[in-house]
C-alpha atoms as a PDB file:
ATOM      1  CA  MET A   1       0.000   0.000   0.000  1.00  0.00           C
ATOM      2  CA  THR A   2       1.504   3.353  -1.012  1.00  0.00           C
ATOM      3  CA  ASP A   3       1.423   6.426   1.207  1.00  0.00           C
ATOM      4  CA  GLY A   4      -1.422   7.896  -0.860  1.00  0.00           C
ATOM      5  CA  ASN A   5      -3.513   4.816  -0.192  1.00  0.00           C
ATOM      6  CA  LEU A   6      -3.086   5.065   3.588  1.00  0.00           C
ATOM      7  CA  PHE A   7      -5.494   7.990   3.902  1.00  0.00           C
ATOM      8  CA  ARG A   8      -8.716   6.017   3.358  1.00  0.00           C
ATOM      9  CA  PRO A   9      -7.914   3.227   5.862  1.00  0.00           C
ATOM     10  CA  ALA A  10      -6.721   5.833   8.373  1.00  0.00           C
ATOM     11  CA  VAL A  11      -9.993   7.758   8.039  1.00  0.00           C
ATOM     12  CA  SER A  12     -11.922   4.484   8.350  1.00  0.00           C
ATOM     13  CA  LEU A  13      -9.988   3.522  11.462  1.00  0.00           C
ATOM     14  CA  LEU A  14     -10.538   6.946  13.016  1.00  0.00           C
ATOM     15  CA  ALA A  15     -14.274   6.831  12.226  1.00  0.00           C
ATOM     16  CA  GLY A  16     -14.543   3.333  13.702  1.00  0.00           C
ATOM     17  CA  MET A  17     -12.704   4.391  16.832  1.00  0.00           C
ATOM     18  CA  ILE A  18     -14.987   7.410  17.280  1.00  0.00           C
ATOM     19  CA  PHE A  19     -18.028   5.186  16.735  1.00  0.00           C
ATOM     20  CA  GLY A  20     -16.787   2.595  19.244  1.00  0.00           C
ATOM     21  CA  LEU A  21     -15.960   5.293  21.784  1.00  0.00           C
ATOM     22  CA  GLY A  22     -19.446   6.723  21.376  1.00  0.00           C
ATOM     23  CA  LEU A  23     -20.972   3.289  21.915  1.00  0.00           C
ATOM     24  CA  ALA A  24     -18.897   2.800  25.063  1.00  0.00           C
ATOM     25  CA  ILE A  25     -19.648   6.261  26.494  1.00  0.00           C
ATOM     26  CA  SER A  26     -23.361   5.912  25.777  1.00  0.00           C
ATOM     27  CA  GLY A  27     -23.611   2.532  27.522  1.00  0.00           C
ATOM     28  CA  MET A  28     -24.528   0.599  24.380  1.00  0.00           C
ATOM     29  CA  ILE A  29     -21.791  -1.970  25.125  1.00  0.00           C
ATOM     30  CA  ASP A  30     -23.395  -2.813  28.478  1.00  0.00           C
ATOM     31  CA  PRO A  31     -25.890  -5.623  27.816  1.00  0.00           C
ATOM     32  CA  ALA A  32     -27.668  -5.004  31.140  1.00  0.00           C
ATOM     33  CA  ARG A  33     -28.390  -1.433  30.120  1.00  0.00           C
ATOM     34  CA  VAL A  34     -29.551  -2.464  26.649  1.00  0.00           C
ATOM     35  CA  LEU A  35     -31.810  -5.180  28.068  1.00  0.00           C
ATOM     36  CA  GLY A  36     -33.184  -2.626  30.550  1.00  0.00           C
ATOM     37  CA  PHE A  37     -34.052  -0.417  27.589  1.00  0.00           C
ATOM     38  CA  LEU A  38     -35.694  -3.273  25.686  1.00  0.00           C
ATOM     39  CA  ASP A  39     -37.705  -4.497  28.686  1.00  0.00           C
ATOM     40  CA  VAL A  40     -40.662  -2.122  28.577  1.00  0.00           C
ATOM     41  CA  ALA A  41     -43.065  -4.503  30.327  1.00  0.00           C
ATOM     42  CA  SER A  42     -41.337  -5.176  33.668  1.00  0.00           C
ATOM     43  CA  GLY A  43     -41.798  -1.759  35.221  1.00  0.00           C
ATOM     44  CA  HIS A  44     -38.013  -1.242  35.328  1.00  0.00           C
ATOM     45  CA  TRP A  45     -37.636   0.278  31.876  1.00  0.00           C
ATOM     46  CA  ASP A  46     -34.424   2.285  31.331  1.00  0.00           C
ATOM     47  CA  PRO A  47     -35.246   5.044  28.794  1.00  0.00           C
ATOM     48  CA  SER A  48     -31.693   6.450  28.662  1.00  0.00           C
ATOM     49  CA  LEU A  49     -30.858   4.793  25.346  1.00  0.00           C
ATOM     50  CA  VAL A  50     -33.697   6.691  23.674  1.00  0.00           C
ATOM     51  CA  PHE A  51     -31.361   9.686  23.800  1.00  0.00           C
ATOM     52  CA  VAL A  52     -28.579   7.655  22.215  1.00  0.00           C
ATOM     53  CA  LEU A  53     -30.886   6.558  19.398  1.00  0.00           C
ATOM     54  CA  ALA A  54     -32.225  10.088  18.945  1.00  0.00           C
ATOM     55  CA  GLY A  55     -28.676  11.426  18.783  1.00  0.00           C
ATOM     56  CA  ALA A  56     -27.789   8.841  16.142  1.00  0.00           C
ATOM     57  CA  VAL A  57     -30.789   9.865  14.046  1.00  0.00           C
ATOM     58  CA  LEU A  58     -29.875  13.553  14.388  1.00  0.00           C
ATOM     59  CA  VAL A  59     -26.360  12.808  13.153  1.00  0.00           C
ATOM     60  CA  ALA A  60     -27.556  10.543  10.327  1.00  0.00           C
ATOM     61  CA  ILE A  61     -30.182  12.875   8.833  1.00  0.00           C
ATOM     62  CA  PRO A  62     -27.729  15.545   7.612  1.00  0.00           C
ATOM     63  CA  GLY A  63     -25.482  12.751   6.308  1.00  0.00           C
ATOM     64  CA  VAL A  64     -28.328  11.305   4.234  1.00  0.00           C
ATOM     65  CA  PHE A  65     -29.185  14.713   2.800  1.00  0.00           C
ATOM     66  CA  LEU A  66     -25.503  15.345   1.995  1.00  0.00           C
ATOM     67  CA  GLN A  67     -25.162  11.923   0.356  1.00  0.00           C
ATOM     68  CA  ARG A  68     -28.130  12.663  -1.898  1.00  0.00           C
ATOM     69  CA  ARG A  69     -26.489  15.901  -3.094  1.00  0.00           C
ATOM     70  CA  LEU A  70     -23.097  14.360  -3.865  1.00  0.00           C
ATOM     71  CA  SER A  71     -22.365  12.589  -7.133  1.00  0.00           C
ATOM     72  CA  ARG A  72     -19.863  10.322  -5.337  1.00  0.00           C
ATOM     73  CA  PRO A  73     -18.348  10.034  -1.853  1.00  0.00           C
ATOM     74  CA  TRP A  74     -15.179  11.955  -1.029  1.00  0.00           C
ATOM     75  CA  LEU A  75     -13.048   8.874  -0.409  1.00  0.00           C
ATOM     76  CA  ASP A  76     -14.452   6.325  -2.853  1.00  0.00           C
ATOM     77  CA  GLU A  77     -15.414   6.006  -6.496  1.00  0.00           C
ATOM     78  CA  ARG A  78     -19.104   5.395  -5.814  1.00  0.00           C
ATOM     79  CA  PHE A  79     -21.671   5.014  -3.059  1.00  0.00           C
ATOM     80  CA  HIS A  80     -22.203   1.424  -1.945  1.00  0.00           C
ATOM     81  CA  LEU A  81     -25.953   1.407  -1.394  1.00  0.00           C
ATOM     82  CA  PRO A  82     -28.161  -1.695  -1.333  1.00  0.00           C
ATOM     83  CA  ALA A  83     -29.351  -2.758  -4.764  1.00  0.00           C
ATOM     84  CA  LYS A  84     -32.489  -4.324  -3.302  1.00  0.00           C
ATOM     85  CA  THR A  85     -35.061  -1.855  -2.013  1.00  0.00           C
ATOM     86  CA  ARG A  86     -37.995  -4.225  -1.632  1.00  0.00           C
ATOM     87  CA  ILE A  87     -39.089  -5.480   1.771  1.00  0.00           C
ATOM     88  CA  ASP A  88     -39.033  -9.240   1.292  1.00  0.00           C
ATOM     89  CA  ARG A  89     -38.972 -12.427   3.315  1.00  0.00           C
ATOM     90  CA  PRO A  90     -35.166 -12.619   3.803  1.00  0.00           C
ATOM     91  CA  LEU A  91     -35.120  -9.021   5.035  1.00  0.00           C
ATOM     92  CA  LEU A  92     -37.943  -9.642   7.495  1.00  0.00           C
ATOM     93  CA  LEU A  93     -36.387 -12.895   8.730  1.00  0.00           C
ATOM     94  CA  GLY A  94     -33.035 -11.165   9.152  1.00  0.00           C
ATOM     95  CA  ALA A  95     -34.647  -8.317  11.092  1.00  0.00           C
ATOM     96  CA  LEU A  96     -36.471 -10.831  13.282  1.00  0.00           C
ATOM     97  CA  LEU A  97     -33.273 -12.766  13.947  1.00  0.00           C
ATOM     98  CA  PHE A  98     -31.408  -9.533  14.715  1.00  0.00           C
ATOM     99  CA  GLY A  99     -34.126  -8.392  17.125  1.00  0.00           C
ATOM    100  CA  VAL A 100     -34.318 -11.727  18.917  1.00  0.00           C
ATOM    101  CA  GLY A 101     -30.537 -11.846  19.270  1.00  0.00           C
ATOM    102  CA  TRP A 102     -30.420  -8.269  20.545  1.00  0.00           C
ATOM    103  CA  GLY A 103     -33.209  -8.972  23.011  1.00  0.00           C
ATOM    104  CA  LEU A 104     -31.655 -12.190  24.324  1.00  0.00           C
ATOM    105  CA  ALA A 105     -28.020 -11.104  24.518  1.00  0.00           C
ATOM    106  CA  GLY A 106     -28.196  -7.319  24.845  1.00  0.00           C
ATOM    107  CA  PHE A 107     -25.659  -6.968  22.031  1.00  0.00           C
ATOM    108  CA  CYS A 108     -25.843  -6.132  18.381  1.00  0.00           C
ATOM    109  CA  PRO A 109     -22.806  -6.314  16.077  1.00  0.00           C
ATOM    110  CA  GLY A 110     -21.375  -2.794  16.465  1.00  0.00           C
ATOM    111  CA  PRO A 111     -21.503  -2.646  20.255  1.00  0.00           C
ATOM    112  CA  ALA A 112     -20.278  -6.256  20.466  1.00  0.00           C
ATOM    113  CA  ILE A 113     -17.174  -5.382  18.447  1.00  0.00           C
ATOM    114  CA  ALA A 114     -16.622  -2.286  20.611  1.00  0.00           C
ATOM    115  CA  ALA A 115     -17.079  -4.407  23.749  1.00  0.00           C
ATOM    116  CA  LEU A 116     -14.267  -6.734  22.671  1.00  0.00           C
ATOM    117  CA  SER A 117     -11.996  -4.213  24.377  1.00  0.00           C
ATOM    118  CA  THR A 118     -13.385  -5.434  27.715  1.00  0.00           C
ATOM    119  CA  ALA A 119     -12.354  -9.057  26.958  1.00  0.00           C
ATOM    120  CA  ARG A 120     -15.328 -10.293  29.001  1.00  0.00           C
ATOM    121  CA  PRO A 121     -16.137 -13.947  28.280  1.00  0.00           C
ATOM    122  CA  VAL A 122     -19.768 -13.149  27.406  1.00  0.00           C
ATOM    123  CA  VAL A 123     -18.564 -10.683  24.759  1.00  0.00           C
ATOM    124  CA  LEU A 124     -16.062 -13.138  23.324  1.00  0.00           C
ATOM    125  CA  LEU A 125     -18.752 -15.826  23.175  1.00  0.00           C
ATOM    126  CA  PHE A 126     -21.229 -13.488  21.489  1.00  0.00           C
ATOM    127  CA  VAL A 127     -18.712 -12.357  18.862  1.00  0.00           C
ATOM    128  CA  ALA A 128     -17.672 -15.959  18.195  1.00  0.00           C
ATOM    129  CA  ALA A 129     -21.338 -16.935  17.746  1.00  0.00           C
ATOM    130  CA  MET A 130     -21.870 -13.906  15.504  1.00  0.00           C
ATOM    131  CA  ILE A 131     -18.927 -14.904  13.311  1.00  0.00           C
ATOM    132  CA  LEU A 132     -20.173 -18.499  13.129  1.00  0.00           C
ATOM    133  CA  GLY A 133     -23.607 -17.222  12.146  1.00  0.00           C
ATOM    134  CA  MET A 134     -22.123 -15.083   9.372  1.00  0.00           C
ATOM    135  CA  LEU A 135     -20.089 -18.020   8.092  1.00  0.00           C
ATOM    136  CA  ALA A 136     -23.144 -20.288   8.187  1.00  0.00           C
ATOM    137  CA  TRP A 137     -25.143 -17.675   6.269  1.00  0.00           C
ATOM    138  CA  SER A 138     -22.488 -17.306   3.596  1.00  0.00           C
ATOM    139  CA  ARG A 139     -22.017 -21.055   3.198  1.00  0.00           C
ATOM    140  CA  LEU A 140     -25.583 -22.339   3.530  1.00  0.00           C
ATOM    141  CA  VAL A 141     -28.082 -19.663   2.642  1.00  0.00           C
ATOM    142  CA  ALA A 142     -26.275 -17.250   0.352  1.00  0.00           C
ATOM    143  CA  ARG A 143     -25.114 -20.059  -1.934  1.00  0.00           C
ATOM    144  CA  ALA A 144     -28.659 -21.340  -2.268  1.00  0.00           C
ATOM    145  CA  GLY A 145     -29.826 -17.902  -3.423  1.00  0.00           C
ATOM    146  CA  ASP A 146     -32.499 -15.721  -1.881  1.00  0.00           C
END
């Protein structure tokens, strides 16, 4: 990799570090806090993550409007947006699986990766299971076609 090609990975690394730091500061890497947010029926609901989600939406909205005005991203040749825009069975099943996993474990992929810095066994187990699930998807389902 030449020096000119180091800029994009460095920006990606910096963005990932900022994202992970934000997840850690906000409490999104604490499964007990996430499960407290998701448990609206017990009477012990923790609404604090609503502010995290609202903040994420407030940051994302200007980014979406900016992306729509640009002909291409600043650090790539093109935008990598999903080709499929239809809500179909695989999308709904994936969303269901994601939601069930988030509700059972208190982790989703981004916070789980950020939580690897804690080296807690539950985090390591979750990330290992997540990787196995991705490998199973790519080997079993993706090869069969949607």
